[in-house]
Amino acid sequence: MKSKKGLMVLIVACFLFAISFVYAQPQDVYKLHWEGAKLPPTEFTHKKHAEDYKIDCKVCHHKDPNPAEKVAKCISCHDIAEAKNGAPKAETAYHKNCIDCHKKENEGGKAAPTKCNECHKKG
């Protein structure tokens, strides 16, 4: 009887470990959105941009000395409501960085989204 109980405890422990491992993995899809925004959130896939498209970390994380180790949140410099200290507000910074890059990619024949409803999908 003790061996069945021990086996059951081992199975439960392994299951809990597996679940905690899955939830500890870094997030890949980020929803870019803030309170009061007029449009729905934009989903950003970090893996696609960093690994598949080979975009240098410094393109987005331009103020971080070593983005592979630690990154600051955009809103630490880019205020949500207004431009401050020479930094454009967050919405302007995101749009400029993303849309300018997407337009450049489209010149090479790719189909990166550049219109509002292509990134801000209702649903």
PDB file of N, CA and C in Angstrom:
ATOM      1  N   MET A   1       0.811  -1.193   0.000  1.00  0.00           N
ATOM      2  CA  MET A   1       0.000   0.000   0.000  1.00  0.00           C
ATOM      3  C   MET A   1       0.861   1.266   0.000  1.00  0.00           C
ATOM      4  N   LYS A   2       1.988   1.195   0.783  1.00  0.00           N
ATOM      5  CA  LYS A   2       2.873   2.347   0.858  1.00  0.00           C
ATOM      6  C   LYS A   2       3.478   2.667  -0.503  1.00  0.00           C
ATOM      7  N   SER A   3       3.805   1.651  -1.298  1.00  0.00           N
ATOM      8  CA  SER A   3       4.429   1.897  -2.593  1.00  0.00           C
ATOM      9  C   SER A   3       3.468   2.572  -3.565  1.00  0.00           C
ATOM     10  N   LYS A   4       2.178   2.241  -3.481  1.00  0.00           N
ATOM     11  CA  LYS A   4       1.185   2.915  -4.335  1.00  0.00           C
ATOM     12  C   LYS A   4       1.072   4.381  -3.959  1.00  0.00           C
ATOM     13  N   LYS A   5       1.079   4.655  -2.649  1.00  0.00           N
ATOM     14  CA  LYS A   5       0.980   6.034  -2.173  1.00  0.00           C
ATOM     15  C   LYS A   5       2.220   6.827  -2.592  1.00  0.00           C
ATOM     16  N   GLY A   6       3.371   6.190  -2.462  1.00  0.00           N
ATOM     17  CA  GLY A   6       4.627   6.837  -2.846  1.00  0.00           C
ATOM     18  C   GLY A   6       4.663   7.117  -4.340  1.00  0.00           C
ATOM     19  N   LEU A   7       4.204   6.172  -5.123  1.00  0.00           N
ATOM     20  CA  LEU A   7       4.156   6.342  -6.576  1.00  0.00           C
ATOM     21  C   LEU A   7       3.213   7.482  -6.951  1.00  0.00           C
ATOM     22  N   MET A   8       2.076   7.551  -6.284  1.00  0.00           N
ATOM     23  CA  MET A   8       1.107   8.614  -6.562  1.00  0.00           C
ATOM     24  C   MET A   8       1.695   9.984  -6.221  1.00  0.00           C
ATOM     25  N   VAL A   9       2.388  10.075  -5.102  1.00  0.00           N
ATOM     26  CA  VAL A   9       3.037  11.340  -4.703  1.00  0.00           C
ATOM     27  C   VAL A   9       4.084  11.730  -5.740  1.00  0.00           C
ATOM     28  N   LEU A  10       4.861  10.756  -6.214  1.00  0.00           N
ATOM     29  CA  LEU A  10       5.883  11.018  -7.228  1.00  0.00           C
ATOM     30  C   LEU A  10       5.248  11.514  -8.533  1.00  0.00           C
ATOM     31  N   ILE A  11       4.160  10.891  -8.948  1.00  0.00           N
ATOM     32  CA  ILE A  11       3.470  11.307 -10.176  1.00  0.00           C
ATOM     33  C   ILE A  11       2.938  12.734 -10.045  1.00  0.00           C
ATOM     34  N   VAL A  12       2.316  13.036  -8.923  1.00  0.00           N
ATOM     35  CA  VAL A  12       1.786  14.382  -8.692  1.00  0.00           C
ATOM     36  C   VAL A  12       2.927  15.399  -8.662  1.00  0.00           C
ATOM     37  N   ALA A  13       4.027  15.071  -8.008  1.00  0.00           N
ATOM     38  CA  ALA A  13       5.173  15.977  -7.932  1.00  0.00           C
ATOM     39  C   ALA A  13       5.738  16.258  -9.324  1.00  0.00           C
ATOM     40  N   CYS A  14       5.866  15.207 -10.141  1.00  0.00           N
ATOM     41  CA  CYS A  14       6.362  15.384 -11.519  1.00  0.00           C
ATOM     42  C   CYS A  14       5.414  16.257 -12.334  1.00  0.00           C
ATOM     43  N   PHE A  15       4.123  16.034 -12.168  1.00  0.00           N
ATOM     44  CA  PHE A  15       3.125  16.835 -12.883  1.00  0.00           C
ATOM     45  C   PHE A  15       3.239  18.306 -12.482  1.00  0.00           C
ATOM     46  N   LEU A  16       3.333  18.574 -11.194  1.00  0.00           N
ATOM     47  CA  LEU A  16       3.444  19.963 -10.718  1.00  0.00           C
ATOM     48  C   LEU A  16       4.731  20.609 -11.214  1.00  0.00           C
ATOM     49  N   PHE A  17       5.820  19.848 -11.238  1.00  0.00           N
ATOM     50  CA  PHE A  17       7.080  20.362 -11.747  1.00  0.00           C
ATOM     51  C   PHE A  17       6.944  20.722 -13.224  1.00  0.00           C
ATOM     52  N   ALA A  18       6.328  19.847 -13.999  1.00  0.00           N
ATOM     53  CA  ALA A  18       6.151  20.087 -15.434  1.00  0.00           C
ATOM     54  C   ALA A  18       5.307  21.339 -15.673  1.00  0.00           C
ATOM     55  N   ILE A  19       4.250  21.498 -14.908  1.00  0.00           N
ATOM     56  CA  ILE A  19       3.388  22.683 -15.055  1.00  0.00           C
ATOM     57  C   ILE A  19       4.168  23.946 -14.706  1.00  0.00           C
ATOM     58  N   SER A  20       4.930  23.926 -13.630  1.00  0.00           N
ATOM     59  CA  SER A  20       5.695  25.118 -13.234  1.00  0.00           C
ATOM     60  C   SER A  20       6.758  25.441 -14.268  1.00  0.00           C
ATOM     61  N   PHE A  21       7.338  24.424 -14.901  1.00  0.00           N
ATOM     62  CA  PHE A  21       8.345  24.648 -15.939  1.00  0.00           C
ATOM     63  C   PHE A  21       7.738  25.345 -17.149  1.00  0.00           C
ATOM     64  N   VAL A  22       6.550  24.918 -17.560  1.00  0.00           N
ATOM     65  CA  VAL A  22       5.869  25.526 -18.700  1.00  0.00           C
ATOM     66  C   VAL A  22       5.570  26.997 -18.420  1.00  0.00           C
ATOM     67  N   TYR A  23       5.062  27.300 -17.245  1.00  0.00           N
ATOM     68  CA  TYR A  23       4.711  28.677 -16.915  1.00  0.00           C
ATOM     69  C   TYR A  23       5.922  29.558 -16.658  1.00  0.00           C
ATOM     70  N   ALA A  24       7.093  28.971 -16.448  1.00  0.00           N
ATOM     71  CA  ALA A  24       8.305  29.756 -16.201  1.00  0.00           C
ATOM     72  C   ALA A  24       8.986  30.174 -17.497  1.00  0.00           C
ATOM     73  N   GLN A  25       8.552  29.622 -18.621  1.00  0.00           N
ATOM     74  CA  GLN A  25       9.168  29.966 -19.894  1.00  0.00           C
ATOM     75  C   GLN A  25       8.865  31.420 -20.258  1.00  0.00           C
ATOM     76  N   PRO A  26       9.790  32.099 -20.957  1.00  0.00           N
ATOM     77  CA  PRO A  26       9.557  33.494 -21.313  1.00  0.00           C
ATOM     78  C   PRO A  26       8.347  33.642 -22.235  1.00  0.00           C
ATOM     79  N   GLN A  27       7.647  34.734 -22.045  1.00  0.00           N
ATOM     80  CA  GLN A  27       6.468  35.024 -22.856  1.00  0.00           C
ATOM     81  C   GLN A  27       6.928  35.391 -24.259  1.00  0.00           C
ATOM     82  N   ASP A  28       6.221  34.940 -25.277  1.00  0.00           N
ATOM     83  CA  ASP A  28       6.606  35.263 -26.641  1.00  0.00           C
ATOM     84  C   ASP A  28       5.641  36.246 -27.290  1.00  0.00           C
ATOM     85  N   VAL A  29       4.352  36.101 -27.031  1.00  0.00           N
ATOM     86  CA  VAL A  29       3.375  37.001 -27.636  1.00  0.00           C
ATOM     87  C   VAL A  29       2.992  38.055 -26.599  1.00  0.00           C
ATOM     88  N   TYR A  30       3.252  39.302 -26.941  1.00  0.00           N
ATOM     89  CA  TYR A  30       2.952  40.410 -26.047  1.00  0.00           C
ATOM     90  C   TYR A  30       1.766  41.185 -26.602  1.00  0.00           C
ATOM     91  N   LYS A  31       0.880  41.608 -25.725  1.00  0.00           N
ATOM     92  CA  LYS A  31      -0.226  42.469 -26.130  1.00  0.00           C
ATOM     93  C   LYS A  31       0.169  43.894 -25.764  1.00  0.00           C
ATOM     94  N   LEU A  32       0.369  44.712 -26.780  1.00  0.00           N
ATOM     95  CA  LEU A  32       0.756  46.105 -26.576  1.00  0.00           C
ATOM     96  C   LEU A  32      -0.514  46.941 -26.473  1.00  0.00           C
ATOM     97  N   HIS A  33      -0.751  47.470 -25.277  1.00  0.00           N
ATOM     98  CA  HIS A  33      -1.990  48.196 -25.030  1.00  0.00           C
ATOM     99  C   HIS A  33      -1.868  48.951 -23.722  1.00  0.00           C
ATOM    100  N   TRP A  34      -2.558  50.053 -23.615  1.00  0.00           N
ATOM    101  CA  TRP A  34      -2.630  50.744 -22.333  1.00  0.00           C
ATOM    102  C   TRP A  34      -4.016  51.317 -22.120  1.00  0.00           C
ATOM    103  N   GLU A  35      -4.301  51.581 -20.874  1.00  0.00           N
ATOM    104  CA  GLU A  35      -5.618  52.089 -20.462  1.00  0.00           C
ATOM    105  C   GLU A  35      -5.992  53.335 -21.259  1.00  0.00           C
ATOM    106  N   GLY A  36      -7.205  53.377 -21.755  1.00  0.00           N
ATOM    107  CA  GLY A  36      -7.704  54.535 -22.477  1.00  0.00           C
ATOM    108  C   GLY A  36      -7.404  54.539 -23.964  1.00  0.00           C
ATOM    109  N   ALA A  37      -6.740  53.504 -24.460  1.00  0.00           N
ATOM    110  CA  ALA A  37      -6.425  53.446 -25.890  1.00  0.00           C
ATOM    111  C   ALA A  37      -7.714  53.312 -26.695  1.00  0.00           C
ATOM    112  N   LYS A  38      -7.745  53.967 -27.857  1.00  0.00           N
ATOM    113  CA  LYS A  38      -8.945  53.947 -28.701  1.00  0.00           C
ATOM    114  C   LYS A  38      -9.077  52.644 -29.493  1.00  0.00           C
ATOM    115  N   LEU A  39      -7.967  52.043 -29.837  1.00  0.00           N
ATOM    116  CA  LEU A  39      -7.982  50.834 -30.662  1.00  0.00           C
ATOM    117  C   LEU A  39      -7.660  49.598 -29.827  1.00  0.00           C
ATOM    118  N   PRO A  40      -8.031  48.411 -30.311  1.00  0.00           N
ATOM    119  CA  PRO A  40      -7.724  47.170 -29.581  1.00  0.00           C
ATOM    120  C   PRO A  40      -6.213  46.949 -29.475  1.00  0.00           C
ATOM    121  N   PRO A  41      -5.794  46.058 -28.573  1.00  0.00           N
ATOM    122  CA  PRO A  41      -4.362  45.781 -28.416  1.00  0.00           C
ATOM    123  C   PRO A  41      -3.740  45.227 -29.689  1.00  0.00           C
ATOM    124  N   THR A  42      -2.438  45.442 -29.805  1.00  0.00           N
ATOM    125  CA  THR A  42      -1.659  44.875 -30.894  1.00  0.00           C
ATOM    126  C   THR A  42      -0.879  43.707 -30.335  1.00  0.00           C
ATOM    127  N   GLU A  43      -0.911  42.578 -31.012  1.00  0.00           N
ATOM    128  CA  GLU A  43      -0.116  41.442 -30.580  1.00  0.00           C
ATOM    129  C   GLU A  43       1.236  41.503 -31.271  1.00  0.00           C
ATOM    130  N   PHE A  44       2.280  41.373 -30.481  1.00  0.00           N
ATOM    131  CA  PHE A  44       3.650  41.420 -30.972  1.00  0.00           C
ATOM    132  C   PHE A  44       4.325  40.095 -30.639  1.00  0.00           C
ATOM    133  N   THR A  45       4.873  39.429 -31.643  1.00  0.00           N
ATOM    134  CA  THR A  45       5.553  38.159 -31.433  1.00  0.00           C
ATOM    135  C   THR A  45       7.056  38.404 -31.415  1.00  0.00           C
ATOM    136  N   HIS A  46       7.633  38.342 -30.235  1.00  0.00           N
ATOM    137  CA  HIS A  46       9.053  38.637 -30.055  1.00  0.00           C
ATOM    138  C   HIS A  46       9.928  37.654 -30.832  1.00  0.00           C
ATOM    139  N   LYS A  47       9.621  36.358 -30.757  1.00  0.00           N
ATOM    140  CA  LYS A  47      10.440  35.336 -31.423  1.00  0.00           C
ATOM    141  C   LYS A  47      10.529  35.576 -32.923  1.00  0.00           C
ATOM    142  N   LYS A  48       9.391  35.879 -33.546  1.00  0.00           N
ATOM    143  CA  LYS A  48       9.403  36.120 -34.992  1.00  0.00           C
ATOM    144  C   LYS A  48      10.331  37.284 -35.340  1.00  0.00           C
ATOM    145  N   HIS A  49      10.220  38.376 -34.596  1.00  0.00           N
ATOM    146  CA  HIS A  49      11.018  39.554 -34.913  1.00  0.00           C
ATOM    147  C   HIS A  49      12.504  39.340 -34.612  1.00  0.00           C
ATOM    148  N   ALA A  50      12.813  38.732 -33.474  1.00  0.00           N
ATOM    149  CA  ALA A  50      14.205  38.557 -33.069  1.00  0.00           C
ATOM    150  C   ALA A  50      14.893  37.400 -33.797  1.00  0.00           C
ATOM    151  N   GLU A  51      14.233  36.252 -33.846  1.00  0.00           N
ATOM    152  CA  GLU A  51      14.880  35.065 -34.413  1.00  0.00           C
ATOM    153  C   GLU A  51      14.591  34.866 -35.892  1.00  0.00           C
ATOM    154  N   ASP A  52      13.315  34.912 -36.265  1.00  0.00           N
ATOM    155  CA  ASP A  52      12.956  34.637 -37.661  1.00  0.00           C
ATOM    156  C   ASP A  52      13.344  35.796 -38.589  1.00  0.00           C
ATOM    157  N   TYR A  53      13.052  37.033 -38.171  1.00  0.00           N
ATOM    158  CA  TYR A  53      13.337  38.195 -39.018  1.00  0.00           C
ATOM    159  C   TYR A  53      14.724  38.769 -38.764  1.00  0.00           C
ATOM    160  N   LYS A  54      15.406  38.273 -37.723  1.00  0.00           N
ATOM    161  CA  LYS A  54      16.784  38.684 -37.396  1.00  0.00           C
ATOM    162  C   LYS A  54      16.925  40.194 -37.161  1.00  0.00           C
ATOM    163  N   ILE A  55      15.956  40.788 -36.489  1.00  0.00           N
ATOM    164  CA  ILE A  55      16.025  42.213 -36.166  1.00  0.00           C
ATOM    165  C   ILE A  55      16.883  42.376 -34.920  1.00  0.00           C
ATOM    166  N   ASP A  56      17.881  43.225 -35.010  1.00  0.00           N
ATOM    167  CA  ASP A  56      18.788  43.476 -33.894  1.00  0.00           C
ATOM    168  C   ASP A  56      18.012  44.041 -32.705  1.00  0.00           C
ATOM    169  N   CYS A  57      18.308  43.542 -31.524  1.00  0.00           N
ATOM    170  CA  CYS A  57      17.622  43.973 -30.295  1.00  0.00           C
ATOM    171  C   CYS A  57      17.647  45.498 -30.127  1.00  0.00           C
ATOM    172  N   LYS A  58      18.758  46.108 -30.530  1.00  0.00           N
ATOM    173  CA  LYS A  58      18.929  47.553 -30.343  1.00  0.00           C
ATOM    174  C   LYS A  58      17.941  48.383 -31.171  1.00  0.00           C
ATOM    175  N   VAL A  59      17.321  47.790 -32.176  1.00  0.00           N
ATOM    176  CA  VAL A  59      16.344  48.530 -32.976  1.00  0.00           C
ATOM    177  C   VAL A  59      15.190  48.984 -32.093  1.00  0.00           C
ATOM    178  N   CYS A  60      14.704  48.107 -31.243  1.00  0.00           N
ATOM    179  CA  CYS A  60      13.605  48.453 -30.341  1.00  0.00           C
ATOM    180  C   CYS A  60      14.106  48.891 -28.967  1.00  0.00           C
ATOM    181  N   HIS A  61      15.100  48.190 -28.466  1.00  0.00           N
ATOM    182  CA  HIS A  61      15.627  48.468 -27.127  1.00  0.00           C
ATOM    183  C   HIS A  61      16.844  49.387 -27.257  1.00  0.00           C
ATOM    184  N   HIS A  62      16.631  50.547 -27.853  1.00  0.00           N
ATOM    185  CA  HIS A  62      17.717  51.429 -28.253  1.00  0.00           C
ATOM    186  C   HIS A  62      18.457  52.097 -27.102  1.00  0.00           C
ATOM    187  N   LYS A  63      17.890  52.155 -25.920  1.00  0.00           N
ATOM    188  CA  LYS A  63      18.553  52.793 -24.784  1.00  0.00           C
ATOM    189  C   LYS A  63      19.184  51.789 -23.822  1.00  0.00           C
ATOM    190  N   ASP A  64      18.939  50.515 -24.018  1.00  0.00           N
ATOM    191  CA  ASP A  64      19.458  49.506 -23.110  1.00  0.00           C
ATOM    192  C   ASP A  64      20.871  49.109 -23.514  1.00  0.00           C
ATOM    193  N   PRO A  65      21.826  49.164 -22.572  1.00  0.00           N
ATOM    194  CA  PRO A  65      23.212  48.829 -22.907  1.00  0.00           C
ATOM    195  C   PRO A  65      23.386  47.394 -23.394  1.00  0.00           C
ATOM    196  N   ASN A  66      22.675  46.447 -22.784  1.00  0.00           N
ATOM    197  CA  ASN A  66      22.759  45.051 -23.209  1.00  0.00           C
ATOM    198  C   ASN A  66      21.363  44.429 -23.149  1.00  0.00           C
ATOM    199  N   PRO A  67      20.571  44.599 -24.219  1.00  0.00           N
ATOM    200  CA  PRO A  67      19.187  44.117 -24.209  1.00  0.00           C
ATOM    201  C   PRO A  67      19.039  42.608 -24.011  1.00  0.00           C
ATOM    202  N   ALA A  68      20.080  41.845 -24.278  1.00  0.00           N
ATOM    203  CA  ALA A  68      19.985  40.403 -24.090  1.00  0.00           C
ATOM    204  C   ALA A  68      19.900  40.052 -22.601  1.00  0.00           C
ATOM    205  N   GLU A  69      20.400  40.934 -21.746  1.00  0.00           N
ATOM    206  CA  GLU A  69      20.396  40.683 -20.310  1.00  0.00           C
ATOM    207  C   GLU A  69      19.200  41.298 -19.596  1.00  0.00           C
ATOM    208  N   LYS A  70      18.933  42.559 -19.888  1.00  0.00           N
ATOM    209  CA  LYS A  70      17.863  43.263 -19.172  1.00  0.00           C
ATOM    210  C   LYS A  70      17.356  44.413 -20.033  1.00  0.00           C
ATOM    211  N   VAL A  71      16.036  44.566 -20.077  1.00  0.00           N
ATOM    212  CA  VAL A  71      15.452  45.663 -20.837  1.00  0.00           C
ATOM    213  C   VAL A  71      14.529  46.490 -19.944  1.00  0.00           C
ATOM    214  N   ALA A  72      14.508  47.781 -20.238  1.00  0.00           N
ATOM    215  CA  ALA A  72      13.584  48.677 -19.542  1.00  0.00           C
ATOM    216  C   ALA A  72      12.280  48.709 -20.323  1.00  0.00           C
ATOM    217  N   LYS A  73      11.192  48.953 -19.634  1.00  0.00           N
ATOM    218  CA  LYS A  73       9.908  49.103 -20.321  1.00  0.00           C
ATOM    219  C   LYS A  73       9.944  50.405 -21.114  1.00  0.00           C
ATOM    220  N   CYS A  74       9.325  50.388 -22.272  1.00  0.00           N
ATOM    221  CA  CYS A  74       9.298  51.578 -23.138  1.00  0.00           C
ATOM    222  C   CYS A  74       8.765  52.796 -22.394  1.00  0.00           C
ATOM    223  N   ILE A  75       7.759  52.574 -21.558  1.00  0.00           N
ATOM    224  CA  ILE A  75       7.129  53.708 -20.875  1.00  0.00           C
ATOM    225  C   ILE A  75       7.999  54.292 -19.768  1.00  0.00           C
ATOM    226  N   SER A  76       9.183  53.704 -19.533  1.00  0.00           N
ATOM    227  CA  SER A  76      10.085  54.342 -18.577  1.00  0.00           C
ATOM    228  C   SER A  76      10.670  55.625 -19.181  1.00  0.00           C
ATOM    229  N   CYS A  77      10.718  55.717 -20.501  1.00  0.00           N
ATOM    230  CA  CYS A  77      11.162  56.947 -21.189  1.00  0.00           C
ATOM    231  C   CYS A  77      10.031  57.596 -21.989  1.00  0.00           C
ATOM    232  N   HIS A  78       9.187  56.764 -22.593  1.00  0.00           N
ATOM    233  CA  HIS A  78       8.108  57.249 -23.456  1.00  0.00           C
ATOM    234  C   HIS A  78       6.810  57.293 -22.649  1.00  0.00           C
ATOM    235  N   ASP A  79       6.432  58.492 -22.242  1.00  0.00           N
ATOM    236  CA  ASP A  79       5.216  58.679 -21.454  1.00  0.00           C
ATOM    237  C   ASP A  79       3.999  58.323 -22.295  1.00  0.00           C
ATOM    238  N   ILE A  80       2.961  57.829 -21.656  1.00  0.00           N
ATOM    239  CA  ILE A  80       1.744  57.440 -22.373  1.00  0.00           C
ATOM    240  C   ILE A  80       0.971  58.663 -22.853  1.00  0.00           C
ATOM    241  N   ALA A  81       0.948  59.719 -22.061  1.00  0.00           N
ATOM    242  CA  ALA A  81       0.099  60.872 -22.365  1.00  0.00           C
ATOM    243  C   ALA A  81       0.765  61.942 -23.214  1.00  0.00           C
ATOM    244  N   GLU A  82       2.082  62.149 -23.053  1.00  0.00           N
ATOM    245  CA  GLU A  82       2.715  63.269 -23.761  1.00  0.00           C
ATOM    246  C   GLU A  82       4.205  63.042 -23.978  1.00  0.00           C
ATOM    247  N   ALA A  83       4.772  63.802 -24.917  1.00  0.00           N
ATOM    248  CA  ALA A  83       6.212  63.773 -25.146  1.00  0.00           C
ATOM    249  C   ALA A  83       6.899  64.474 -23.977  1.00  0.00           C
ATOM    250  N   LYS A  84       7.969  63.867 -23.476  1.00  0.00           N
ATOM    251  CA  LYS A  84       8.694  64.433 -22.338  1.00  0.00           C
ATOM    252  C   LYS A  84      10.191  64.206 -22.506  1.00  0.00           C
ATOM    253  N   ASN A  85      10.967  65.172 -22.075  1.00  0.00           N
ATOM    254  CA  ASN A  85      12.435  65.049 -22.056  1.00  0.00           C
ATOM    255  C   ASN A  85      13.016  64.616 -23.399  1.00  0.00           C
ATOM    256  N   GLY A  86      12.455  65.117 -24.483  1.00  0.00           N
ATOM    257  CA  GLY A  86      12.959  64.812 -25.816  1.00  0.00           C
ATOM    258  C   GLY A  86      12.517  63.463 -26.372  1.00  0.00           C
ATOM    259  N   ALA A  87      11.743  62.711 -25.603  1.00  0.00           N
ATOM    260  CA  ALA A  87      11.255  61.404 -26.070  1.00  0.00           C
ATOM    261  C   ALA A  87       9.794  61.540 -26.487  1.00  0.00           C
ATOM    262  N   PRO A  88       9.442  61.045 -27.681  1.00  0.00           N
ATOM    263  CA  PRO A  88       8.039  61.118 -28.093  1.00  0.00           C
ATOM    264  C   PRO A  88       7.162  60.258 -27.182  1.00  0.00           C
ATOM    265  N   LYS A  89       5.861  60.561 -27.157  1.00  0.00           N
ATOM    266  CA  LYS A  89       4.977  59.733 -26.338  1.00  0.00           C
ATOM    267  C   LYS A  89       4.982  58.304 -26.876  1.00  0.00           C
ATOM    268  N   ALA A  90       4.577  57.367 -26.040  1.00  0.00           N
ATOM    269  CA  ALA A  90       4.695  55.937 -26.348  1.00  0.00           C
ATOM    270  C   ALA A  90       4.035  55.558 -27.671  1.00  0.00           C
ATOM    271  N   GLU A  91       2.815  56.006 -27.892  1.00  0.00           N
ATOM    272  CA  GLU A  91       2.100  55.651 -29.122  1.00  0.00           C
ATOM    273  C   GLU A  91       2.890  56.101 -30.353  1.00  0.00           C
ATOM    274  N   THR A  92       3.408  57.316 -30.323  1.00  0.00           N
ATOM    275  CA  THR A  92       4.180  57.852 -31.441  1.00  0.00           C
ATOM    276  C   THR A  92       5.453  57.038 -31.653  1.00  0.00           C
ATOM    277  N   ALA A  93       6.127  56.689 -30.565  1.00  0.00           N
ATOM    278  CA  ALA A  93       7.364  55.914 -30.663  1.00  0.00           C
ATOM    279  C   ALA A  93       7.101  54.534 -31.260  1.00  0.00           C
ATOM    280  N   TYR A  94       6.065  53.851 -30.767  1.00  0.00           N
ATOM    281  CA  TYR A  94       5.723  52.534 -31.314  1.00  0.00           C
ATOM    282  C   TYR A  94       5.390  52.644 -32.797  1.00  0.00           C
ATOM    283  N   HIS A  95       4.507  53.575 -33.133  1.00  0.00           N
ATOM    284  CA  HIS A  95       4.096  53.706 -34.526  1.00  0.00           C
ATOM    285  C   HIS A  95       5.279  54.021 -35.429  1.00  0.00           C
ATOM    286  N   LYS A  96       6.125  54.946 -35.030  1.00  0.00           N
ATOM    287  CA  LYS A  96       7.275  55.301 -35.864  1.00  0.00           C
ATOM    288  C   LYS A  96       8.195  54.101 -36.040  1.00  0.00           C
ATOM    289  N   ASN A  97       8.539  53.457 -34.959  1.00  0.00           N
ATOM    290  CA  ASN A  97       9.470  52.331 -35.027  1.00  0.00           C
ATOM    291  C   ASN A  97       8.879  51.181 -35.848  1.00  0.00           C
ATOM    292  N   CYS A  98       7.663  50.788 -35.540  1.00  0.00           N
ATOM    293  CA  CYS A  98       7.052  49.628 -36.206  1.00  0.00           C
ATOM    294  C   CYS A  98       6.689  49.918 -37.661  1.00  0.00           C
ATOM    295  N   ILE A  99       5.959  50.987 -37.879  1.00  0.00           N
ATOM    296  CA  ILE A  99       5.474  51.265 -39.237  1.00  0.00           C
ATOM    297  C   ILE A  99       6.616  51.595 -40.182  1.00  0.00           C
ATOM    298  N   ASP A 100       7.607  52.371 -39.725  1.00  0.00           N
ATOM    299  CA  ASP A 100       8.754  52.678 -40.594  1.00  0.00           C
ATOM    300  C   ASP A 100       9.487  51.398 -40.997  1.00  0.00           C
ATOM    301  N   CYS A 101       9.672  50.492 -40.038  1.00  0.00           N
ATOM    302  CA  CYS A 101      10.349  49.223 -40.330  1.00  0.00           C
ATOM    303  C   CYS A 101       9.503  48.382 -41.289  1.00  0.00           C
ATOM    304  N   HIS A 102       8.200  48.325 -41.047  1.00  0.00           N
ATOM    305  CA  HIS A 102       7.317  47.535 -41.915  1.00  0.00           C
ATOM    306  C   HIS A 102       7.311  48.089 -43.339  1.00  0.00           C
ATOM    307  N   LYS A 103       7.285  49.406 -43.480  1.00  0.00           N
ATOM    308  CA  LYS A 103       7.315  50.013 -44.823  1.00  0.00           C
ATOM    309  C   LYS A 103       8.610  49.657 -45.542  1.00  0.00           C
ATOM    310  N   LYS A 104       9.708  49.692 -44.818  1.00  0.00           N
ATOM    311  CA  LYS A 104      11.011  49.341 -45.403  1.00  0.00           C
ATOM    312  C   LYS A 104      11.004  47.877 -45.868  1.00  0.00           C
ATOM    313  N   GLU A 105      10.451  47.007 -45.065  1.00  0.00           N
ATOM    314  CA  GLU A 105      10.366  45.589 -45.427  1.00  0.00           C
ATOM    315  C   GLU A 105       9.476  45.395 -46.656  1.00  0.00           C
ATOM    316  N   ASN A 106       8.401  46.165 -46.739  1.00  0.00           N
ATOM    317  CA  ASN A 106       7.478  46.051 -47.872  1.00  0.00           C
ATOM    318  C   ASN A 106       8.130  46.460 -49.186  1.00  0.00           C
ATOM    319  N   GLU A 107       9.099  47.370 -49.117  1.00  0.00           N
ATOM    320  CA  GLU A 107       9.827  47.769 -50.325  1.00  0.00           C
ATOM    321  C   GLU A 107      10.577  46.579 -50.913  1.00  0.00           C
ATOM    322  N   GLY A 108      10.944  45.642 -50.050  1.00  0.00           N
ATOM    323  CA  GLY A 108      11.653  44.438 -50.492  1.00  0.00           C
ATOM    324  C   GLY A 108      10.720  43.314 -50.898  1.00  0.00           C
ATOM    325  N   GLY A 109       9.421  43.609 -50.988  1.00  0.00           N
ATOM    326  CA  GLY A 109       8.465  42.622 -51.456  1.00  0.00           C
ATOM    327  C   GLY A 109       7.747  41.845 -50.361  1.00  0.00           C
ATOM    328  N   LYS A 110       8.006  42.179 -49.115  1.00  0.00           N
ATOM    329  CA  LYS A 110       7.318  41.481 -48.020  1.00  0.00           C
ATOM    330  C   LYS A 110       5.968  42.127 -47.772  1.00  0.00           C
ATOM    331  N   ALA A 111       5.177  41.539 -46.890  1.00  0.00           N
ATOM    332  CA  ALA A 111       3.832  42.055 -46.614  1.00  0.00           C
ATOM    333  C   ALA A 111       3.660  42.358 -45.130  1.00  0.00           C
ATOM    334  N   ALA A 112       4.475  43.258 -44.614  1.00  0.00           N
ATOM    335  CA  ALA A 112       4.367  43.649 -43.205  1.00  0.00           C
ATOM    336  C   ALA A 112       3.215  44.646 -43.051  1.00  0.00           C
ATOM    337  N   PRO A 113       2.432  44.524 -41.985  1.00  0.00           N
ATOM    338  CA  PRO A 113       1.267  45.410 -41.817  1.00  0.00           C
ATOM    339  C   PRO A 113       1.663  46.871 -41.583  1.00  0.00           C
ATOM    340  N   THR A 114       0.915  47.780 -42.211  1.00  0.00           N
ATOM    341  CA  THR A 114       1.174  49.215 -42.047  1.00  0.00           C
ATOM    342  C   THR A 114      -0.099  50.018 -41.753  1.00  0.00           C
ATOM    343  N   LYS A 115      -1.247  49.385 -41.837  1.00  0.00           N
ATOM    344  CA  LYS A 115      -2.514  50.091 -41.592  1.00  0.00           C
ATOM    345  C   LYS A 115      -3.039  49.745 -40.206  1.00  0.00           C
ATOM    346  N   CYS A 116      -3.785  50.667 -39.626  1.00  0.00           N
ATOM    347  CA  CYS A 116      -4.294  50.528 -38.251  1.00  0.00           C
ATOM    348  C   CYS A 116      -4.921  49.165 -38.002  1.00  0.00           C
ATOM    349  N   ASN A 117      -5.908  48.787 -38.827  1.00  0.00           N
ATOM    350  CA  ASN A 117      -6.666  47.549 -38.576  1.00  0.00           C
ATOM    351  C   ASN A 117      -5.865  46.284 -38.892  1.00  0.00           C
ATOM    352  N   GLU A 118      -4.680  46.412 -39.467  1.00  0.00           N
ATOM    353  CA  GLU A 118      -3.849  45.237 -39.714  1.00  0.00           C
ATOM    354  C   GLU A 118      -3.099  44.821 -38.440  1.00  0.00           C
ATOM    355  N   CYS A 119      -2.874  45.751 -37.544  1.00  0.00           N
ATOM    356  CA  CYS A 119      -2.213  45.433 -36.263  1.00  0.00           C
ATOM    357  C   CYS A 119      -3.217  45.458 -35.107  1.00  0.00           C
ATOM    358  N   HIS A 120      -4.096  46.425 -35.143  1.00  0.00           N
ATOM    359  CA  HIS A 120      -5.126  46.571 -34.086  1.00  0.00           C
ATOM    360  C   HIS A 120      -6.389  45.841 -34.538  1.00  0.00           C
ATOM    361  N   LYS A 121      -6.381  44.524 -34.364  1.00  0.00           N
ATOM    362  CA  LYS A 121      -7.493  43.703 -34.860  1.00  0.00           C
ATOM    363  C   LYS A 121      -8.612  43.617 -33.840  1.00  0.00           C
ATOM    364  N   LYS A 122      -9.811  43.879 -34.306  1.00  0.00           N
ATOM    365  CA  LYS A 122     -10.999  43.762 -33.435  1.00  0.00           C
ATOM    366  C   LYS A 122     -11.344  42.295 -33.305  1.00  0.00           C
ATOM    367  N   GLY A 123     -11.785  41.938 -32.115  1.00  0.00           N
ATOM    368  CA  GLY A 123     -12.176  40.576 -32.071  1.00  0.00           C
ATOM    369  C   GLY A 123     -12.351  40.018 -30.742  1.00  0.00           C
TER     370      GLY A 123
END
